[in-house]
Protein backbone atom coordinates (compact mmCIF):
# COMPACT_ATOMS: atom_id res chain seq x y z
CA MET A 1 0.00 0.00 0.00
CA GLU A 2 1.43 3.34 -1.02
CA PHE A 3 1.00 6.31 1.26
CA ASN A 4 0.86 9.83 -0.10
CA PHE A 5 3.04 11.89 2.24
CA ALA A 6 1.97 15.15 0.61
CA THR A 7 -1.56 14.74 2.00
CA ALA A 8 -0.25 14.20 5.52
CA LEU A 9 2.11 17.16 5.16
CA VAL A 10 -0.76 19.40 4.02
CA PHE A 11 -2.86 18.36 7.04
CA ILE A 12 0.04 18.99 9.43
CA LEU A 13 0.72 22.41 7.90
CA LEU A 14 -2.97 23.34 8.01
CA GLY A 15 -3.14 22.30 11.66
CA LEU A 16 -0.09 24.40 12.52
CA VAL A 17 -1.36 27.42 10.57
CA PHE A 18 -4.83 27.16 12.12
CA SER A 19 -3.60 26.80 15.72
CA GLY A 20 -0.96 29.50 15.27
CA GLY A 21 -3.51 31.80 13.66
CA VAL A 22 -5.99 31.34 16.50
CA LEU A 23 -3.30 32.03 19.10
CA PHE A 24 -2.14 35.14 17.22
CA LEU A 25 -5.72 36.37 16.80
CA SER A 26 -6.47 35.90 20.51
CA TRP A 27 -3.25 37.78 21.41
CA LEU A 28 -4.22 40.56 19.00
CA ILE A 29 -7.78 41.16 20.25
CA ARG A 30 -7.37 40.45 23.98
CA PRO A 31 -7.87 43.28 26.43
CA SER A 32 -4.78 44.37 28.29
CA ARG A 33 -5.72 45.25 31.86
CA PRO A 34 -2.73 44.84 34.17
CA ALA A 35 -3.68 44.48 37.82
CA GLN A 36 -1.81 43.99 41.06
CA PHE A 37 -3.71 40.83 42.02
CA LYS A 38 -3.09 38.91 38.78
CA GLY A 39 0.41 37.90 39.82
CA ILE A 40 -0.38 36.45 43.25
CA ALA A 41 -1.26 32.83 43.98
CA TYR A 42 -4.94 31.88 44.24
CA GLU A 43 -5.76 30.18 47.54
CA CYS A 44 -9.43 29.20 47.26
CA GLY A 45 -10.74 32.73 47.70
CA GLU A 46 -8.75 33.40 50.87
CA GLN A 47 -6.01 35.96 51.31
CA PRO A 48 -2.65 34.33 50.54
CA VAL A 49 -0.46 33.68 53.56
CA GLY A 50 3.29 33.45 53.13
CA SER A 51 5.20 32.84 49.95
CA PRO A 52 3.68 30.67 47.20
CA TRP A 53 7.14 29.31 46.37
CA VAL A 54 7.43 26.12 48.38
CA LYS A 55 10.30 23.68 48.05
CA PHE A 56 9.09 20.13 47.49
CA ASN A 57 11.13 17.25 48.75
CA VAL A 58 13.00 15.37 46.02
CA ARG A 59 11.61 12.11 47.40
CA PHE A 60 8.23 12.98 45.86
CA TYR A 61 9.94 13.03 42.45
CA VAL A 62 11.62 9.65 43.00
CA VAL A 63 8.37 8.00 44.09
CA ALA A 64 6.49 9.53 41.14
CA LEU A 65 9.18 8.40 38.70
CA ILE A 66 9.11 4.84 40.03
CA PHE A 67 5.31 4.85 39.79
CA VAL A 68 5.43 6.02 36.16
CA ILE A 69 7.97 3.33 35.26
CA PHE A 70 5.82 0.56 36.70
CA ASP A 71 2.66 2.09 35.25
CA VAL A 72 4.22 1.93 31.79
CA GLU A 73 5.11 -1.68 32.55
CA VAL A 74 1.43 -2.45 33.08
CA VAL A 75 0.53 -0.63 29.86
CA LEU A 76 3.02 -2.79 27.94
CA LEU A 77 2.08 -5.96 29.81
CA TYR A 78 -1.67 -5.81 29.17
CA PRO A 79 -1.61 -6.10 25.33
CA TRP A 80 0.97 -8.86 25.59
CA ALA A 81 -1.26 -10.77 28.03
CA THR A 82 -4.31 -10.46 25.79
CA ALA A 83 -2.44 -11.84 22.76
CA PHE A 84 -0.34 -14.35 24.72
CA LYS A 85 -1.60 -17.52 23.02
CA SER A 86 -0.89 -16.31 19.50
CA LEU A 87 2.57 -14.85 20.19
CA GLY A 88 4.46 -17.99 21.07
CA LEU A 89 7.51 -18.80 23.16
CA PHE A 90 9.75 -16.01 21.82
CA ALA A 91 7.39 -13.27 23.02
CA PHE A 92 7.11 -15.03 26.38
CA VAL A 93 10.89 -15.03 26.80
CA GLU A 94 11.07 -11.38 25.74
CA MET A 95 8.47 -10.43 28.34
CA LEU A 96 10.34 -12.39 31.01
CA VAL A 97 13.52 -10.48 30.13
CA PHE A 98 11.58 -7.19 30.28
CA LEU A 99 10.06 -8.03 33.67
CA GLY A 100 13.42 -9.26 34.93
CA LEU A 101 15.08 -5.98 34.01
CA LEU A 102 12.32 -4.03 35.73
CA PHE A 103 12.62 -6.07 38.90
CA LEU A 104 16.40 -5.72 38.84
CA GLY A 105 15.86 -1.97 38.67
CA LEU A 106 13.42 -2.17 41.58
CA ALA A 107 15.93 -4.21 43.60
CA TYR A 108 18.64 -1.64 42.83
CA VAL A 109 16.44 1.27 43.93
CA TRP A 110 15.42 -0.65 47.04
CA LYS A 111 19.04 -1.52 47.89
CA ARG A 112 20.13 2.12 47.48
CA GLY A 113 17.42 3.12 49.94
CA ASP A 114 15.54 5.38 47.53
CA LEU A 115 12.24 3.87 48.65
CA GLU A 116 12.82 4.81 52.29
CA TRP A 117 11.11 8.04 53.24
CA VAL A 118 13.38 8.82 56.19
CA LYS A 119 16.98 8.44 55.09
CA PRO A 120 19.82 8.21 57.58
CA ASP A 121 22.16 11.18 57.78
CA PRO A 122 25.74 9.86 57.53
CA ALA A 123 27.00 12.77 59.66
CA ILE A 124 24.71 11.79 62.55
CA THR A 125 24.56 8.01 62.28
CA GLY A 126 27.49 5.75 61.69
CA PRO A 127 27.73 3.31 58.80
CA GLY A 128 25.18 0.53 59.02
CA GLN A 129 23.10 2.24 61.73
CA ARG A 130 19.51 3.23 61.18
CA PRO A 131 18.23 6.68 62.18
CA SER A 132 16.03 7.00 65.22
CA VAL A 133 12.56 8.13 64.21
CA PRO A 134 10.33 9.49 66.99
CA ASP A 135 7.30 7.27 67.50
CA ALA A 136 3.91 8.88 68.14
CA GLY A 137 2.13 7.31 71.09
CA ALA A 138 -1.31 5.75 70.80
CA GLY A 139 -3.88 8.48 70.35
CA GLU A 140 -1.27 11.23 70.48
CA VAL A 141 -1.77 14.08 68.03
CA THR A 142 1.52 15.30 66.61
CA GLY A 143 2.34 18.44 64.74
CA LEU A 144 -0.01 20.77 66.59
């Protein structure tokens, strides 16, 4: 089957011209009313308290990245599982290699301690020692 690339190119160019034209037209006809309150953070209708620039812990990024990796694994695993009978032994071995590599990566991340939320500080604890984490008593409310 022969594919006419000129048709696809025309559609891509028309899409770019249309979207660029709409953006330019909206920039051209928009009202320009600068105001003091447009630059501040919106906090559900309340007056903002403190700075909106908050540093997030890098551990959130690591957990999110690991989640995305294993989520993509499920996305790749589902079509393979639905067509398992027709694919044969070669596809089964390939999927085992894929899963093995993912679990090796998980073991590596686990061994490095990237899955631990409270990491030991080498300056405070010696090598091989775990940090002491304060335990909240039963029914005790912490952080107030």
